[in-house]
Amino acid sequence: MSLAELKKHIHTIPSQPKAVPYVISYYKERWGFCMSQEQLDSLPEGNYHAYIDSEKINGELNFAQAVLPGKSEKEVLISTYICHPSMANNELSGP
């Protein structure tokens, strides 16, 4: 595909040219790549081939919870959203 066609599938944050966005597609059958605006701007004209080895299957999301009793009856809740597997590198360490 041409660079112009590929650009339709690339997600960036133009106002933050060094940042790479996090874009998901749970509900639409679509594909794409996330990169910085600087990376996109550096792509040369030419033909590109995109290959994504992926599958959409029914499954489960395992998660853990814990209650740690303390000296007080007050409760502290530490929570994060659990929207996809393999989140340790973003949600559990801080978004």
C-alpha atoms as a PDB file:
ATOM      1  CA  MET A   1       0.000   0.000   0.000  1.00  0.00           C
ATOM      2  CA  SER A   2       1.101   3.562  -0.477  1.00  0.00           C
ATOM      3  CA  LEU A   3       2.255   5.748   2.378  1.00  0.00           C
ATOM      4  CA  ALA A   4      -0.958   7.761   1.998  1.00  0.00           C
ATOM      5  CA  GLU A   5      -3.038   4.591   2.469  1.00  0.00           C
ATOM      6  CA  LEU A   6      -0.900   3.463   5.411  1.00  0.00           C
ATOM      7  CA  LYS A   7      -1.310   6.839   7.125  1.00  0.00           C
ATOM      8  CA  LYS A   8      -5.064   6.142   7.392  1.00  0.00           C
ATOM      9  CA  HIS A   9      -4.121   3.361   9.844  1.00  0.00           C
ATOM     10  CA  ILE A  10      -1.513   5.208  11.915  1.00  0.00           C
ATOM     11  CA  HIS A  11      -2.424   6.860  15.215  1.00  0.00           C
ATOM     12  CA  THR A  12      -0.394   9.772  16.590  1.00  0.00           C
ATOM     13  CA  ILE A  13      -0.825  12.784  18.865  1.00  0.00           C
ATOM     14  CA  PRO A  14       0.190  15.709  16.633  1.00  0.00           C
ATOM     15  CA  SER A  15       0.187  18.165  19.553  1.00  0.00           C
ATOM     16  CA  GLN A  16       2.726  15.936  21.361  1.00  0.00           C
ATOM     17  CA  PRO A  17       5.114  14.930  18.576  1.00  0.00           C
ATOM     18  CA  LYS A  18       7.293  12.659  20.744  1.00  0.00           C
ATOM     19  CA  ALA A  19       4.403  10.829  22.439  1.00  0.00           C
ATOM     20  CA  VAL A  20       2.979   7.492  21.315  1.00  0.00           C
ATOM     21  CA  PRO A  21      -0.777   7.119  21.858  1.00  0.00           C
ATOM     22  CA  TYR A  22      -2.501   4.037  23.240  1.00  0.00           C
ATOM     23  CA  VAL A  23      -5.338   3.178  20.860  1.00  0.00           C
ATOM     24  CA  ILE A  24      -7.528   0.096  21.158  1.00  0.00           C
ATOM     25  CA  SER A  25     -10.234  -1.423  19.006  1.00  0.00           C
ATOM     26  CA  TYR A  26     -12.520  -3.640  21.042  1.00  0.00           C
ATOM     27  CA  TYR A  27     -15.706  -2.995  19.163  1.00  0.00           C
ATOM     28  CA  LYS A  28     -14.620  -2.346  15.586  1.00  0.00           C
ATOM     29  CA  GLU A  29     -12.879  -4.661  13.168  1.00  0.00           C
ATOM     30  CA  ARG A  30      -9.981  -2.380  12.273  1.00  0.00           C
ATOM     31  CA  TRP A  31      -6.232  -2.395  12.360  1.00  0.00           C
ATOM     32  CA  GLY A  32      -3.576   0.199  12.924  1.00  0.00           C
ATOM     33  CA  PHE A  33      -0.247   1.184  14.389  1.00  0.00           C
ATOM     34  CA  CYS A  34       0.588   3.692  17.117  1.00  0.00           C
ATOM     35  CA  MET A  35       3.698   5.820  16.796  1.00  0.00           C
ATOM     36  CA  SER A  36       4.944   9.286  17.536  1.00  0.00           C
ATOM     37  CA  GLN A  37       4.205  12.099  15.107  1.00  0.00           C
ATOM     38  CA  GLU A  38       7.972  12.420  14.627  1.00  0.00           C
ATOM     39  CA  GLN A  39       8.177   8.781  13.528  1.00  0.00           C
ATOM     40  CA  LEU A  40       5.264   9.231  11.144  1.00  0.00           C
ATOM     41  CA  ASP A  41       6.820  12.352   9.648  1.00  0.00           C
ATOM     42  CA  SER A  42      10.068  10.449   9.028  1.00  0.00           C
ATOM     43  CA  LEU A  43       8.464   7.660   6.961  1.00  0.00           C
ATOM     44  CA  PRO A  44       9.650   7.857   3.356  1.00  0.00           C
ATOM     45  CA  GLU A  45       7.314   7.721   0.386  1.00  0.00           C
ATOM     46  CA  GLY A  46       7.030   4.251  -1.079  1.00  0.00           C
ATOM     47  CA  ASN A  47       5.054   1.054  -0.877  1.00  0.00           C
ATOM     48  CA  TYR A  48       4.419  -0.624   2.464  1.00  0.00           C
ATOM     49  CA  HIS A  49       3.224  -4.072   3.476  1.00  0.00           C
ATOM     50  CA  ALA A  50       1.463  -4.484   6.837  1.00  0.00           C
ATOM     51  CA  TYR A  51       1.244  -7.904   8.466  1.00  0.00           C
ATOM     52  CA  ILE A  52      -0.454  -8.320  11.834  1.00  0.00           C
ATOM     53  CA  ASP A  53      -0.576 -11.834  13.265  1.00  0.00           C
ATOM     54  CA  SER A  54      -3.535 -11.584  15.611  1.00  0.00           C
ATOM     55  CA  GLU A  55      -6.817 -13.212  16.436  1.00  0.00           C
ATOM     56  CA  LYS A  56      -9.961 -12.149  18.233  1.00  0.00           C
ATOM     57  CA  ILE A  57     -11.211 -14.953  20.455  1.00  0.00           C
ATOM     58  CA  ASN A  58     -13.467 -15.421  23.446  1.00  0.00           C
ATOM     59  CA  GLY A  59     -11.478 -15.831  26.618  1.00  0.00           C
ATOM     60  CA  GLU A  60     -11.170 -14.703  30.180  1.00  0.00           C
ATOM     61  CA  LEU A  61      -9.387 -12.024  32.131  1.00  0.00           C
ATOM     62  CA  ASN A  62      -7.819 -13.202  35.375  1.00  0.00           C
ATOM     63  CA  PHE A  63      -7.185 -10.677  38.119  1.00  0.00           C
ATOM     64  CA  ALA A  64      -6.394 -10.683  41.813  1.00  0.00           C
ATOM     65  CA  GLN A  65      -7.741  -8.886  44.842  1.00  0.00           C
ATOM     66  CA  ALA A  66      -6.597  -8.734  48.435  1.00  0.00           C
ATOM     67  CA  VAL A  67      -7.888  -7.426  51.737  1.00  0.00           C
ATOM     68  CA  LEU A  68      -5.219  -6.485  54.259  1.00  0.00           C
ATOM     69  CA  PRO A  69      -6.672  -5.974  57.734  1.00  0.00           C
ATOM     70  CA  GLY A  70      -5.259  -3.028  59.629  1.00  0.00           C
ATOM     71  CA  LYS A  71      -5.546  -1.324  62.981  1.00  0.00           C
ATOM     72  CA  SER A  72      -8.385   0.936  61.840  1.00  0.00           C
ATOM     73  CA  GLU A  73     -11.895   0.140  60.685  1.00  0.00           C
ATOM     74  CA  LYS A  74     -11.390   2.635  57.865  1.00  0.00           C
ATOM     75  CA  GLU A  75     -10.923   1.301  54.365  1.00  0.00           C
ATOM     76  CA  VAL A  76      -8.480   2.314  51.656  1.00  0.00           C
ATOM     77  CA  LEU A  77      -9.233   1.153  48.128  1.00  0.00           C
ATOM     78  CA  ILE A  78      -6.461   1.018  45.555  1.00  0.00           C
ATOM     79  CA  SER A  79      -7.962   0.254  42.178  1.00  0.00           C
ATOM     80  CA  THR A  80      -7.269   0.354  38.479  1.00  0.00           C
ATOM     81  CA  TYR A  81      -9.376  -0.504  35.499  1.00  0.00           C
ATOM     82  CA  ILE A  82      -9.027  -4.041  34.194  1.00  0.00           C
ATOM     83  CA  CYS A  83      -9.895  -3.756  30.547  1.00  0.00           C
ATOM     84  CA  HIS A  84      -7.309  -6.046  28.929  1.00  0.00           C
ATOM     85  CA  PRO A  85      -4.742  -8.712  29.794  1.00  0.00           C
ATOM     86  CA  SER A  86      -1.011  -8.154  30.347  1.00  0.00           C
ATOM     87  CA  MET A  87      -1.448  -4.824  32.100  1.00  0.00           C
ATOM     88  CA  ALA A  88       1.474  -4.991  34.542  1.00  0.00           C
ATOM     89  CA  ASN A  89       3.570  -2.594  32.516  1.00  0.00           C
ATOM     90  CA  ASN A  90       0.982   0.152  32.347  1.00  0.00           C
ATOM     91  CA  GLU A  91      -1.921   0.026  34.814  1.00  0.00           C
ATOM     92  CA  LEU A  92      -0.364  -1.751  37.793  1.00  0.00           C
ATOM     93  CA  SER A  93       2.762   0.367  37.656  1.00  0.00           C
ATOM     94  CA  GLY A  94       0.776   3.572  37.193  1.00  0.00           C
ATOM     95  CA  PRO A  95      -0.878   4.903  34.030  1.00  0.00           C
END
